[in-house]
PDB file of N, CA and C in Angstrom:
ATOM      1  N   MET A   1     -11.821 -15.162 -14.264  1.00  0.00           N
ATOM      2  CA  MET A   1     -10.345 -14.740 -13.887  1.00  0.00           C
ATOM      3  C   MET A   1      -9.869 -15.511 -14.516  1.00  0.00           C
ATOM      4  N   GLU A   2     -10.196 -16.569 -14.955  1.00  0.00           N
ATOM      5  CA  GLU A   2      -9.277 -17.654 -15.688  1.00  0.00           C
ATOM      6  C   GLU A   2      -8.644 -16.803 -17.017  1.00  0.00           C
ATOM      7  N   ASN A   3      -9.441 -16.088 -17.507  1.00  0.00           N
ATOM      8  CA  ASN A   3      -9.064 -15.403 -18.508  1.00  0.00           C
ATOM      9  C   ASN A   3      -7.779 -14.139 -18.708  1.00  0.00           C
ATOM     10  N   ASP A   4      -8.161 -13.773 -17.215  1.00  0.00           N
ATOM     11  CA  ASP A   4      -6.963 -13.113 -16.906  1.00  0.00           C
ATOM     12  C   ASP A   4      -5.176 -13.097 -16.473  1.00  0.00           C
ATOM     13  N   LEU A   5      -5.495 -14.775 -16.304  1.00  0.00           N
ATOM     14  CA  LEU A   5      -4.018 -15.346 -16.082  1.00  0.00           C
ATOM     15  C   LEU A   5      -3.217 -15.570 -16.721  1.00  0.00           C
ATOM     16  N   LYS A   6      -1.861 -15.054 -16.344  1.00  0.00           N
ATOM     17  CA  LYS A   6      -0.714 -14.994 -17.005  1.00  0.00           C
ATOM     18  C   LYS A   6       0.339 -16.070 -16.464  1.00  0.00           C
ATOM     19  N   CYS A   7       1.003 -16.198 -17.211  1.00  0.00           N
ATOM     20  CA  CYS A   7       2.346 -17.243 -16.375  1.00  0.00           C
ATOM     21  C   CYS A   7       3.192 -16.253 -16.205  1.00  0.00           C
ATOM     22  N   PRO A   8       3.674 -16.258 -14.547  1.00  0.00           N
ATOM     23  CA  PRO A   8       4.706 -15.511 -14.006  1.00  0.00           C
ATOM     24  C   PRO A   8       6.092 -15.576 -14.132  1.00  0.00           C
ATOM     25  N   GLU A   9       6.328 -16.419 -15.505  1.00  0.00           N
ATOM     26  CA  GLU A   9       7.902 -16.657 -15.692  1.00  0.00           C
ATOM     27  C   GLU A   9       7.904 -16.354 -17.136  1.00  0.00           C
ATOM     28  N   CYS A  10       6.833 -16.729 -17.925  1.00  0.00           N
ATOM     29  CA  CYS A  10       7.050 -16.282 -19.417  1.00  0.00           C
ATOM     30  C   CYS A  10       5.786 -15.080 -19.677  1.00  0.00           C
ATOM     31  N   GLY A  11       4.861 -15.196 -19.355  1.00  0.00           N
ATOM     32  CA  GLY A  11       3.797 -13.841 -19.445  1.00  0.00           C
ATOM     33  C   GLY A  11       2.998 -14.644 -20.604  1.00  0.00           C
ATOM     34  N   CYS A  12       3.172 -16.092 -20.592  1.00  0.00           N
ATOM     35  CA  CYS A  12       2.222 -16.527 -21.740  1.00  0.00           C
ATOM     36  C   CYS A  12       0.839 -16.955 -21.770  1.00  0.00           C
ATOM     37  N   GLU A  13      -0.194 -16.605 -22.036  1.00  0.00           N
ATOM     38  CA  GLU A  13      -1.772 -16.466 -21.848  1.00  0.00           C
ATOM     39  C   GLU A  13      -2.431 -17.590 -22.144  1.00  0.00           C
ATOM     40  N   HIS A  14      -1.608 -18.670 -22.434  1.00  0.00           N
ATOM     41  CA  HIS A  14      -2.256 -19.794 -22.667  1.00  0.00           C
ATOM     42  C   HIS A  14      -2.057 -20.806 -21.780  1.00  0.00           C
ATOM     43  N   VAL A  15      -2.383 -20.841 -20.392  1.00  0.00           N
ATOM     44  CA  VAL A  15      -2.078 -21.530 -19.118  1.00  0.00           C
ATOM     45  C   VAL A  15      -3.420 -22.287 -19.097  1.00  0.00           C
ATOM     46  N   TYR A  16      -3.282 -23.338 -18.250  1.00  0.00           N
ATOM     47  CA  TYR A  16      -4.748 -24.354 -17.835  1.00  0.00           C
ATOM     48  C   TYR A  16      -4.352 -24.661 -17.171  1.00  0.00           C
ATOM     49  N   PRO A  17      -5.573 -25.037 -16.444  1.00  0.00           N
ATOM     50  CA  PRO A  17      -5.642 -25.640 -14.861  1.00  0.00           C
ATOM     51  C   PRO A  17      -5.333 -27.177 -14.835  1.00  0.00           C
ATOM     52  N   ASP A  18      -4.843 -27.744 -14.003  1.00  0.00           N
ATOM     53  CA  ASP A  18      -4.239 -29.296 -13.845  1.00  0.00           C
ATOM     54  C   ASP A  18      -4.210 -29.595 -12.407  1.00  0.00           C
ATOM     55  N   GLY A  19      -5.650 -30.050 -11.901  1.00  0.00           N
ATOM     56  CA  GLY A  19      -5.611 -30.222 -10.663  1.00  0.00           C
ATOM     57  C   GLY A  19      -5.935 -28.829  -9.669  1.00  0.00           C
ATOM     58  N   SER A  20      -5.250 -28.357  -9.002  1.00  0.00           N
ATOM     59  CA  SER A  20      -5.091 -27.485  -7.832  1.00  0.00           C
ATOM     60  C   SER A  20      -4.114 -26.276  -8.849  1.00  0.00           C
ATOM     61  N   LEU A  21      -3.131 -26.715  -9.356  1.00  0.00           N
ATOM     62  CA  LEU A  21      -2.432 -25.924  -9.993  1.00  0.00           C
ATOM     63  C   LEU A  21      -2.641 -25.402 -11.348  1.00  0.00           C
ATOM     64  N   TRP A  22      -1.888 -24.412 -12.276  1.00  0.00           N
ATOM     65  CA  TRP A  22      -2.298 -23.771 -12.969  1.00  0.00           C
ATOM     66  C   TRP A  22      -1.119 -24.043 -13.769  1.00  0.00           C
ATOM     67  N   THR A  23      -0.813 -24.731 -15.467  1.00  0.00           N
ATOM     68  CA  THR A  23       0.150 -24.740 -15.951  1.00  0.00           C
ATOM     69  C   THR A  23       0.481 -24.432 -17.344  1.00  0.00           C
ATOM     70  N   CYS A  24       1.789 -24.002 -17.485  1.00  0.00           N
ATOM     71  CA  CYS A  24       2.410 -23.144 -18.693  1.00  0.00           C
ATOM     72  C   CYS A  24       2.521 -23.816 -19.819  1.00  0.00           C
ATOM     73  N   PRO A  25       2.009 -23.934 -21.086  1.00  0.00           N
ATOM     74  CA  PRO A  25       2.531 -25.079 -22.006  1.00  0.00           C
ATOM     75  C   PRO A  25       4.136 -24.813 -22.410  1.00  0.00           C
ATOM     76  N   GLU A  26       4.044 -23.497 -22.759  1.00  0.00           N
ATOM     77  CA  GLU A  26       5.571 -22.624 -23.405  1.00  0.00           C
ATOM     78  C   GLU A  26       6.621 -22.966 -22.451  1.00  0.00           C
ATOM     79  N   CYS A  27       6.888 -22.916 -21.333  1.00  0.00           N
ATOM     80  CA  CYS A  27       7.807 -23.049 -20.326  1.00  0.00           C
ATOM     81  C   CYS A  27       7.868 -24.038 -19.262  1.00  0.00           C
ATOM     82  N   GLY A  28       6.623 -24.795 -18.976  1.00  0.00           N
ATOM     83  CA  GLY A  28       6.409 -25.453 -18.071  1.00  0.00           C
ATOM     84  C   GLY A  28       6.356 -25.308 -16.429  1.00  0.00           C
ATOM     85  N   CYS A  29       6.021 -24.151 -16.598  1.00  0.00           N
ATOM     86  CA  CYS A  29       5.619 -23.471 -15.110  1.00  0.00           C
ATOM     87  C   CYS A  29       4.396 -24.039 -14.367  1.00  0.00           C
ATOM     88  N   GLU A  30       4.586 -24.631 -13.232  1.00  0.00           N
ATOM     89  CA  GLU A  30       3.225 -24.730 -12.520  1.00  0.00           C
ATOM     90  C   GLU A  30       3.397 -23.726 -11.287  1.00  0.00           C
ATOM     91  N   TRP A  31       2.056 -23.193 -11.186  1.00  0.00           N
ATOM     92  CA  TRP A  31       1.505 -22.365  -9.991  1.00  0.00           C
ATOM     93  C   TRP A  31       0.326 -22.521  -9.305  1.00  0.00           C
ATOM     94  N   ASN A  32       0.461 -22.197  -8.239  1.00  0.00           N
ATOM     95  CA  ASN A  32      -0.856 -21.692  -7.783  1.00  0.00           C
ATOM     96  C   ASN A  32      -1.184 -20.212  -7.390  1.00  0.00           C
ATOM     97  N   PRO A  33      -2.343 -19.750  -8.212  1.00  0.00           N
ATOM     98  CA  PRO A  33      -2.702 -18.355  -8.208  1.00  0.00           C
ATOM     99  C   PRO A  33      -2.541 -17.629  -6.786  1.00  0.00           C
ATOM    100  N   LYS A  34      -3.433 -18.857  -5.938  1.00  0.00           N
ATOM    101  CA  LYS A  34      -3.741 -18.230  -4.491  1.00  0.00           C
ATOM    102  C   LYS A  34      -2.744 -17.895  -3.652  1.00  0.00           C
ATOM    103  N   ASP A  35      -1.592 -18.612  -4.070  1.00  0.00           N
ATOM    104  CA  ASP A  35      -0.344 -18.452  -3.282  1.00  0.00           C
ATOM    105  C   ASP A  35       0.560 -17.174  -4.016  1.00  0.00           C
ATOM    106  N   ASN A  36       0.364 -17.041  -5.287  1.00  0.00           N
ATOM    107  CA  ASN A  36       0.865 -15.783  -5.927  1.00  0.00           C
ATOM    108  C   ASN A  36       0.394 -14.503  -5.465  1.00  0.00           C
ATOM    109  N   ALA A  37      -0.855 -14.552  -5.108  1.00  0.00           N
ATOM    110  CA  ALA A  37      -1.633 -13.131  -4.591  1.00  0.00           C
ATOM    111  C   ALA A  37      -1.088 -12.865  -3.475  1.00  0.00           C
ATOM    112  N   ALA A  38      -1.409 -13.979  -2.188  1.00  0.00           N
ATOM    113  CA  ALA A  38      -0.865 -13.667  -1.048  1.00  0.00           C
ATOM    114  C   ALA A  38       0.601 -12.922  -0.662  1.00  0.00           C
ATOM    115  N   GLY A  39       1.625 -14.309  -1.773  1.00  0.00           N
ATOM    116  CA  GLY A  39       3.217 -13.329  -1.785  1.00  0.00           C
ATOM    117  C   GLY A  39       3.152 -12.042  -2.279  1.00  0.00           C
ATOM    118  N   ALA A  40       2.423 -11.654  -3.188  1.00  0.00           N
ATOM    119  CA  ALA A  40       2.553 -10.677  -3.529  1.00  0.00           C
ATOM    120  C   ALA A  40       2.294  -9.559  -2.782  1.00  0.00           C
ATOM    121  N   ALA A  41       1.207  -9.997  -2.044  1.00  0.00           N
ATOM    122  CA  ALA A  41       0.950  -8.297  -0.880  1.00  0.00           C
ATOM    123  C   ALA A  41       1.614  -8.572   0.454  1.00  0.00           C
ATOM    124  N   ALA A  42       2.449  -9.475   0.778  1.00  0.00           N
ATOM    125  CA  ALA A  42       3.706  -9.806   1.591  1.00  0.00           C
ATOM    126  C   ALA A  42       4.823  -9.446   1.163  1.00  0.00           C
ATOM    127  N   ASP A  43       4.802  -9.136   0.134  1.00  0.00           N
ATOM    128  CA  ASP A  43       6.505  -8.606  -0.070  1.00  0.00           C
ATOM    129  C   ASP A  43       6.473  -7.281   0.209  1.00  0.00           C
ATOM    130  N   GLY A  44       5.588  -6.432   0.441  1.00  0.00           N
ATOM    131  CA  GLY A  44       5.798  -4.903   0.723  1.00  0.00           C
ATOM    132  C   GLY A  44       4.541  -4.231   0.950  1.00  0.00           C
ATOM    133  N   PRO A  45       4.818  -2.816   0.991  1.00  0.00           N
ATOM    134  CA  PRO A  45       3.796  -2.387   1.314  1.00  0.00           C
ATOM    135  C   PRO A  45       3.558  -1.776  -0.188  1.00  0.00           C
ATOM    136  N   GLY A  46       4.325  -1.837  -1.604  1.00  0.00           N
ATOM    137  CA  GLY A  46       3.858  -1.829  -2.352  1.00  0.00           C
ATOM    138  C   GLY A  46       3.503   0.154  -2.853  1.00  0.00           C
ATOM    139  N   GLU A  47       2.986   0.956  -3.921  1.00  0.00           N
ATOM    140  CA  GLU A  47       2.931   2.185  -3.666  1.00  0.00           C
ATOM    141  C   GLU A  47       1.560   2.114  -2.944  1.00  0.00           C
ATOM    142  N   ILE A  48       2.433   3.470  -1.964  1.00  0.00           N
ATOM    143  CA  ILE A  48       1.533   4.220  -1.104  1.00  0.00           C
ATOM    144  C   ILE A  48       0.602   5.550  -2.120  1.00  0.00           C
ATOM    145  N   ARG A  49      -0.816   5.912  -1.815  1.00  0.00           N
ATOM    146  CA  ARG A  49      -1.214   6.615  -2.399  1.00  0.00           C
ATOM    147  C   ARG A  49      -1.678   7.573  -1.681  1.00  0.00           C
ATOM    148  N   ASP A  50      -1.704   8.988  -1.734  1.00  0.00           N
ATOM    149  CA  ASP A  50      -2.746  10.362  -0.978  1.00  0.00           C
ATOM    150  C   ASP A  50      -3.730  10.274  -1.566  1.00  0.00           C
ATOM    151  N   ALA A  51      -4.881  10.806  -0.854  1.00  0.00           N
ATOM    152  CA  ALA A  51      -6.196  11.102  -0.870  1.00  0.00           C
ATOM    153  C   ALA A  51      -6.465  11.515  -2.460  1.00  0.00           C
ATOM    154  N   ASN A  52      -5.418  12.246  -3.550  1.00  0.00           N
ATOM    155  CA  ASN A  52      -5.967  12.394  -4.656  1.00  0.00           C
ATOM    156  C   ASN A  52      -5.052  11.043  -5.583  1.00  0.00           C
ATOM    157  N   GLY A  53      -4.919  10.381  -5.009  1.00  0.00           N
ATOM    158  CA  GLY A  53      -4.280   9.128  -5.756  1.00  0.00           C
ATOM    159  C   GLY A  53      -2.975   9.773  -6.173  1.00  0.00           C
ATOM    160  N   ASN A  54      -2.389  10.129  -5.886  1.00  0.00           N
ATOM    161  CA  ASN A  54      -0.683  10.789  -5.986  1.00  0.00           C
ATOM    162  C   ASN A  54       0.343   9.495  -5.393  1.00  0.00           C
ATOM    163  N   VAL A  55       1.303   9.321  -6.329  1.00  0.00           N
ATOM    164  CA  VAL A  55       1.989   7.934  -5.384  1.00  0.00           C
ATOM    165  C   VAL A  55       3.016   8.846  -4.334  1.00  0.00           C
ATOM    166  N   LEU A  56       3.170   8.295  -3.081  1.00  0.00           N
ATOM    167  CA  LEU A  56       4.013   9.365  -2.240  1.00  0.00           C
ATOM    168  C   LEU A  56       4.975   8.415  -1.912  1.00  0.00           C
ATOM    169  N   ALA A  57       6.142   9.168  -1.401  1.00  0.00           N
ATOM    170  CA  ALA A  57       7.578   8.372  -0.927  1.00  0.00           C
ATOM    171  C   ALA A  57       8.257   8.829   0.214  1.00  0.00           C
ATOM    172  N   ASP A  58       8.922   8.158   0.620  1.00  0.00           N
ATOM    173  CA  ASP A  58       9.528   8.555   1.662  1.00  0.00           C
ATOM    174  C   ASP A  58      10.625  10.254   1.455  1.00  0.00           C
ATOM    175  N   GLY A  59      10.229  10.749   2.478  1.00  0.00           N
ATOM    176  CA  GLY A  59      10.953  12.049   2.655  1.00  0.00           C
ATOM    177  C   GLY A  59       9.978  13.364   2.035  1.00  0.00           C
ATOM    178  N   ASP A  60       8.946  12.736   1.355  1.00  0.00           N
ATOM    179  CA  ASP A  60       7.589  14.122   1.041  1.00  0.00           C
ATOM    180  C   ASP A  60       7.030  14.737   2.090  1.00  0.00           C
ATOM    181  N   SER A  61       6.864  15.890   1.473  1.00  0.00           N
ATOM    182  CA  SER A  61       5.782  16.644   2.716  1.00  0.00           C
ATOM    183  C   SER A  61       4.109  16.554   2.046  1.00  0.00           C
ATOM    184  N   VAL A  62       3.599  16.307   3.075  1.00  0.00           N
ATOM    185  CA  VAL A  62       1.652  15.843   2.845  1.00  0.00           C
ATOM    186  C   VAL A  62       1.200  17.218   3.880  1.00  0.00           C
ATOM    187  N   THR A  63       0.015  17.541   3.105  1.00  0.00           N
ATOM    188  CA  THR A  63      -0.754  18.415   4.088  1.00  0.00           C
ATOM    189  C   THR A  63      -2.242  17.372   4.785  1.00  0.00           C
ATOM    190  N   VAL A  64      -2.840  17.459   5.980  1.00  0.00           N
ATOM    191  CA  VAL A  64      -3.934  16.750   6.555  1.00  0.00           C
ATOM    192  C   VAL A  64      -4.851  17.383   5.868  1.00  0.00           C
ATOM    193  N   ILE A  65      -5.709  16.723   5.698  1.00  0.00           N
ATOM    194  CA  ILE A  65      -6.790  16.839   4.612  1.00  0.00           C
ATOM    195  C   ILE A  65      -8.215  17.469   5.286  1.00  0.00           C
ATOM    196  N   LYS A  66      -8.241  17.326   6.997  1.00  0.00           N
ATOM    197  CA  LYS A  66      -9.380  16.991   7.851  1.00  0.00           C
ATOM    198  C   LYS A  66      -9.157  16.845   9.004  1.00  0.00           C
ATOM    199  N   ASP A  67     -10.147  17.729   9.964  1.00  0.00           N
ATOM    200  CA  ASP A  67      -9.432  17.332  11.191  1.00  0.00           C
ATOM    201  C   ASP A  67      -9.192  16.065  11.831  1.00  0.00           C
ATOM    202  N   LEU A  68      -8.447  15.532  12.466  1.00  0.00           N
ATOM    203  CA  LEU A  68      -7.898  13.785  13.147  1.00  0.00           C
ATOM    204  C   LEU A  68      -7.999  14.023  14.310  1.00  0.00           C
ATOM    205  N   LYS A  69      -8.825  13.534  15.226  1.00  0.00           N
ATOM    206  CA  LYS A  69      -9.042  13.041  16.406  1.00  0.00           C
ATOM    207  C   LYS A  69      -7.949  12.248  16.530  1.00  0.00           C
ATOM    208  N   ILE A  70      -7.222  12.593  17.421  1.00  0.00           N
ATOM    209  CA  ILE A  70      -6.022  11.624  18.223  1.00  0.00           C
ATOM    210  C   ILE A  70      -6.431  10.386  19.666  1.00  0.00           C
ATOM    211  N   LYS A  71      -6.435   9.172  18.905  1.00  0.00           N
ATOM    212  CA  LYS A  71      -6.753   8.565  20.324  1.00  0.00           C
ATOM    213  C   LYS A  71      -6.277   8.656  21.274  1.00  0.00           C
ATOM    214  N   GLY A  72      -6.823   8.598  22.874  1.00  0.00           N
ATOM    215  CA  GLY A  72      -6.377   8.430  23.638  1.00  0.00           C
ATOM    216  C   GLY A  72      -5.510   9.947  24.447  1.00  0.00           C
ATOM    217  N   ALA A  73      -5.828  10.868  23.804  1.00  0.00           N
ATOM    218  CA  ALA A  73      -5.554  12.236  23.878  1.00  0.00           C
ATOM    219  C   ALA A  73      -6.751  13.156  23.475  1.00  0.00           C
ATOM    220  N   SER A  74      -6.318  14.495  24.538  1.00  0.00           N
ATOM    221  CA  SER A  74      -7.583  15.357  23.924  1.00  0.00           C
ATOM    222  C   SER A  74      -6.948  16.426  23.025  1.00  0.00           C
ATOM    223  N   SER A  75      -5.830  16.151  22.373  1.00  0.00           N
ATOM    224  CA  SER A  75      -5.474  17.066  21.300  1.00  0.00           C
ATOM    225  C   SER A  75      -6.233  16.594  19.696  1.00  0.00           C
ATOM    226  N   VAL A  76      -6.354  17.751  18.710  1.00  0.00           N
ATOM    227  CA  VAL A  76      -6.707  17.149  17.622  1.00  0.00           C
ATOM    228  C   VAL A  76      -5.554  17.755  16.160  1.00  0.00           C
ATOM    229  N   ILE A  77      -5.712  17.235  15.260  1.00  0.00           N
ATOM    230  CA  ILE A  77      -4.594  17.503  14.104  1.00  0.00           C
ATOM    231  C   ILE A  77      -5.670  18.184  13.282  1.00  0.00           C
ATOM    232  N   LYS A  78      -4.895  19.597  13.032  1.00  0.00           N
ATOM    233  CA  LYS A  78      -6.320  20.705  12.376  1.00  0.00           C
ATOM    234  C   LYS A  78      -5.967  20.564  11.034  1.00  0.00           C
ATOM    235  N   GLY A  79      -7.044  20.101  10.090  1.00  0.00           N
ATOM    236  CA  GLY A  79      -6.747  20.255   8.474  1.00  0.00           C
ATOM    237  C   GLY A  79      -6.268  20.886   7.827  1.00  0.00           C
ATOM    238  N   GLY A  80      -5.205  21.353   7.350  1.00  0.00           N
ATOM    239  CA  GLY A  80      -4.349  22.250   6.825  1.00  0.00           C
ATOM    240  C   GLY A  80      -3.107  22.016   7.267  1.00  0.00           C
ATOM    241  N   THR A  81      -2.791  21.410   8.352  1.00  0.00           N
ATOM    242  CA  THR A  81      -1.669  20.992   8.694  1.00  0.00           C
ATOM    243  C   THR A  81      -0.578  20.468   7.954  1.00  0.00           C
ATOM    244  N   LYS A  82       1.193  20.941   7.679  1.00  0.00           N
ATOM    245  CA  LYS A  82       1.914  21.001   6.798  1.00  0.00           C
ATOM    246  C   LYS A  82       2.700  19.319   7.833  1.00  0.00           C
ATOM    247  N   VAL A  83       2.931  18.866   7.240  1.00  0.00           N
ATOM    248  CA  VAL A  83       3.824  17.732   7.711  1.00  0.00           C
ATOM    249  C   VAL A  83       5.256  17.117   6.606  1.00  0.00           C
ATOM    250  N   LYS A  84       6.481  17.290   7.101  1.00  0.00           N
ATOM    251  CA  LYS A  84       7.388  17.107   6.524  1.00  0.00           C
ATOM    252  C   LYS A  84       8.223  15.982   6.946  1.00  0.00           C
ATOM    253  N   GLY A  85       8.790  15.335   5.917  1.00  0.00           N
ATOM    254  CA  GLY A  85       9.565  14.408   5.812  1.00  0.00           C
ATOM    255  C   GLY A  85       9.222  12.902   6.141  1.00  0.00           C
ATOM    256  N   ILE A  86       8.291  12.515   5.504  1.00  0.00           N
ATOM    257  CA  ILE A  86       7.264  11.510   6.456  1.00  0.00           C
ATOM    258  C   ILE A  86       7.904   9.856   6.009  1.00  0.00           C
ATOM    259  N   ARG A  87       7.490   9.266   6.405  1.00  0.00           N
ATOM    260  CA  ARG A  87       8.525   7.721   5.930  1.00  0.00           C
ATOM    261  C   ARG A  87       7.516   6.926   6.028  1.00  0.00           C
ATOM    262  N   LEU A  88       7.632   6.013   5.103  1.00  0.00           N
ATOM    263  CA  LEU A  88       6.610   4.944   4.347  1.00  0.00           C
ATOM    264  C   LEU A  88       6.813   3.739   5.722  1.00  0.00           C
ATOM    265  N   VAL A  89       5.881   3.291   6.138  1.00  0.00           N
ATOM    266  CA  VAL A  89       6.002   1.672   6.866  1.00  0.00           C
ATOM    267  C   VAL A  89       4.696   0.844   6.498  1.00  0.00           C
ATOM    268  N   ASP A  90       4.890  -0.326   6.901  1.00  0.00           N
ATOM    269  CA  ASP A  90       3.649  -1.614   6.291  1.00  0.00           C
ATOM    270  C   ASP A  90       2.929  -1.475   7.656  1.00  0.00           C
ATOM    271  N   GLY A  91       2.145  -0.655   7.986  1.00  0.00           N
ATOM    272  CA  GLY A  91       1.282  -0.553   9.064  1.00  0.00           C
ATOM    273  C   GLY A  91       0.092  -1.898   8.875  1.00  0.00           C
ATOM    274  N   THR A  92       0.472  -2.582   9.680  1.00  0.00           N
ATOM    275  CA  THR A  92      -0.895  -3.911   9.402  1.00  0.00           C
ATOM    276  C   THR A  92      -2.615  -2.707   9.981  1.00  0.00           C
ATOM    277  N   ASP A  93      -2.303  -1.985  10.548  1.00  0.00           N
ATOM    278  CA  ASP A  93      -3.963  -1.386  11.092  1.00  0.00           C
ATOM    279  C   ASP A  93      -4.511  -0.151  10.089  1.00  0.00           C
ATOM    280  N   GLY A  94      -3.296  -0.244   8.548  1.00  0.00           N
ATOM    281  CA  GLY A  94      -3.918   0.665   7.448  1.00  0.00           C
ATOM    282  C   GLY A  94      -3.270   2.300   8.046  1.00  0.00           C
ATOM    283  N   HIS A  95      -2.361   2.472   8.917  1.00  0.00           N
ATOM    284  CA  HIS A  95      -1.640   3.497   9.373  1.00  0.00           C
ATOM    285  C   HIS A  95      -0.241   2.849   8.633  1.00  0.00           C
ATOM    286  N   ASN A  96       0.152   4.172   7.159  1.00  0.00           N
ATOM    287  CA  ASN A  96       1.205   3.540   6.559  1.00  0.00           C
ATOM    288  C   ASN A  96       1.866   4.820   6.219  1.00  0.00           C
ATOM    289  N   ILE A  97       1.819   5.671   7.600  1.00  0.00           N
ATOM    290  CA  ILE A  97       2.849   7.181   7.416  1.00  0.00           C
ATOM    291  C   ILE A  97       3.168   7.054   8.267  1.00  0.00           C
ATOM    292  N   ALA A  98       4.488   7.141   9.194  1.00  0.00           N
ATOM    293  CA  ALA A  98       5.091   7.566  10.113  1.00  0.00           C
ATOM    294  C   ALA A  98       5.438   8.909   9.869  1.00  0.00           C
ATOM    295  N   CYS A  99       5.293   9.860  11.185  1.00  0.00           N
ATOM    296  CA  CYS A  99       6.169  11.585  10.818  1.00  0.00           C
ATOM    297  C   CYS A  99       5.878  11.777  12.418  1.00  0.00           C
ATOM    298  N   LYS A 100       6.500  13.112  12.545  1.00  0.00           N
ATOM    299  CA  LYS A 100       6.695  14.065  13.470  1.00  0.00           C
ATOM    300  C   LYS A 100       5.916  15.212  13.290  1.00  0.00           C
ATOM    301  N   ILE A 101       4.973  15.436  13.842  1.00  0.00           N
ATOM    302  CA  ILE A 101       4.439  17.137  13.858  1.00  0.00           C
ATOM    303  C   ILE A 101       4.501  17.858  15.559  1.00  0.00           C
ATOM    304  N   ALA A 102       4.668  18.857  14.749  1.00  0.00           N
ATOM    305  CA  ALA A 102       4.845  19.989  15.925  1.00  0.00           C
ATOM    306  C   ALA A 102       3.921  20.030  16.631  1.00  0.00           C
ATOM    307  N   GLY A 103       4.333  20.202  17.867  1.00  0.00           N
ATOM    308  CA  GLY A 103       3.142  20.348  19.060  1.00  0.00           C
ATOM    309  C   GLY A 103       2.907  18.996  19.491  1.00  0.00           C
ATOM    310  N   ILE A 104       3.029  18.289  18.680  1.00  0.00           N
ATOM    311  CA  ILE A 104       1.680  16.928  18.907  1.00  0.00           C
ATOM    312  C   ILE A 104       3.118  15.542  18.927  1.00  0.00           C
ATOM    313  N   GLY A 105       4.427  15.821  18.099  1.00  0.00           N
ATOM    314  CA  GLY A 105       5.245  14.655  18.377  1.00  0.00           C
ATOM    315  C   GLY A 105       5.291  13.341  17.432  1.00  0.00           C
ATOM    316  N   ALA A 106       5.583  11.933  17.813  1.00  0.00           N
ATOM    317  CA  ALA A 106       5.916  11.134  16.614  1.00  0.00           C
ATOM    318  C   ALA A 106       4.261  10.634  16.534  1.00  0.00           C
ATOM    319  N   ILE A 107       4.128  10.130  15.247  1.00  0.00           N
ATOM    320  CA  ILE A 107       2.676   9.845  15.366  1.00  0.00           C
ATOM    321  C   ILE A 107       2.392   8.975  14.077  1.00  0.00           C
ATOM    322  N   ASN A 108       1.446   8.012  13.628  1.00  0.00           N
ATOM    323  CA  ASN A 108       1.497   7.591  12.506  1.00  0.00           C
ATOM    324  C   ASN A 108      -0.060   7.733  11.951  1.00  0.00           C
ATOM    325  N   LEU A 109      -0.110   8.000  10.442  1.00  0.00           N
ATOM    326  CA  LEU A 109      -1.455   8.553   9.605  1.00  0.00           C
ATOM    327  C   LEU A 109      -2.431   7.825   8.922  1.00  0.00           C
ATOM    328  N   LYS A 110      -2.925   7.359   8.036  1.00  0.00           N
ATOM    329  CA  LYS A 110      -3.489   7.057   7.144  1.00  0.00           C
ATOM    330  C   LYS A 110      -3.686   8.050   5.722  1.00  0.00           C
ATOM    331  N   SER A 111      -2.678   7.178   4.854  1.00  0.00           N
ATOM    332  CA  SER A 111      -2.365   8.040   3.666  1.00  0.00           C
ATOM    333  C   SER A 111      -3.897   8.786   2.888  1.00  0.00           C
ATOM    334  N   GLU A 112      -4.972   7.646   3.338  1.00  0.00           N
ATOM    335  CA  GLU A 112      -6.015   8.325   2.995  1.00  0.00           C
ATOM    336  C   GLU A 112      -6.608   9.855   3.086  1.00  0.00           C
ATOM    337  N   PHE A 113      -6.045  10.076   4.323  1.00  0.00           N
ATOM    338  CA  PHE A 113      -6.026  11.003   5.039  1.00  0.00           C
ATOM    339  C   PHE A 113      -5.238  12.694   4.679  1.00  0.00           C
ATOM    340  N   VAL A 114      -4.352  12.407   3.797  1.00  0.00           N
ATOM    341  CA  VAL A 114      -3.563  13.653   3.653  1.00  0.00           C
ATOM    342  C   VAL A 114      -3.431  13.711   2.095  1.00  0.00           C
ATOM    343  N   ARG A 115      -2.791  14.621   1.432  1.00  0.00           N
ATOM    344  CA  ARG A 115      -2.200  15.097   0.244  1.00  0.00           C
ATOM    345  C   ARG A 115      -1.089  15.507   0.013  1.00  0.00           C
ATOM    346  N   LYS A 116      -0.679  14.772  -1.129  1.00  0.00           N
ATOM    347  CA  LYS A 116       1.022  15.468  -1.472  1.00  0.00           C
ATOM    348  C   LYS A 116       1.265  16.982  -1.173  1.00  0.00           C
ATOM    349  N   ALA A 117       2.139  17.678  -0.870  1.00  0.00           N
ATOM    350  CA  ALA A 117       2.140  19.075  -0.384  1.00  0.00           C
ATOM    351  C   ALA A 117       3.355  19.459  -1.953  1.00  0.00           C
TER     352      ALA A 117
END
């Protein structure tokens, strides 16, 4: 891990540890790599990818790739169901797609169970 660290300000590869912080000799920047990793994760959802690795965006159409049982209901979302106009959300439980499905209504899906149409 130490060899992969670069300065977040200037990108210098010659950084060195100084106690609990890392220091850049070129620009004098000091940072804690653990704080930077946590901050990057909290900035936003980042890239959300489908089951095939394609990057999804708001407004895309997706297809459900397998039958999905709906918790608390007796209905099922069948594999092959096309969903239009998705919204990407930052779901803490892994459900990062908000959408409306005909016959079911508003629902959240996990991106690992859809592919871009």
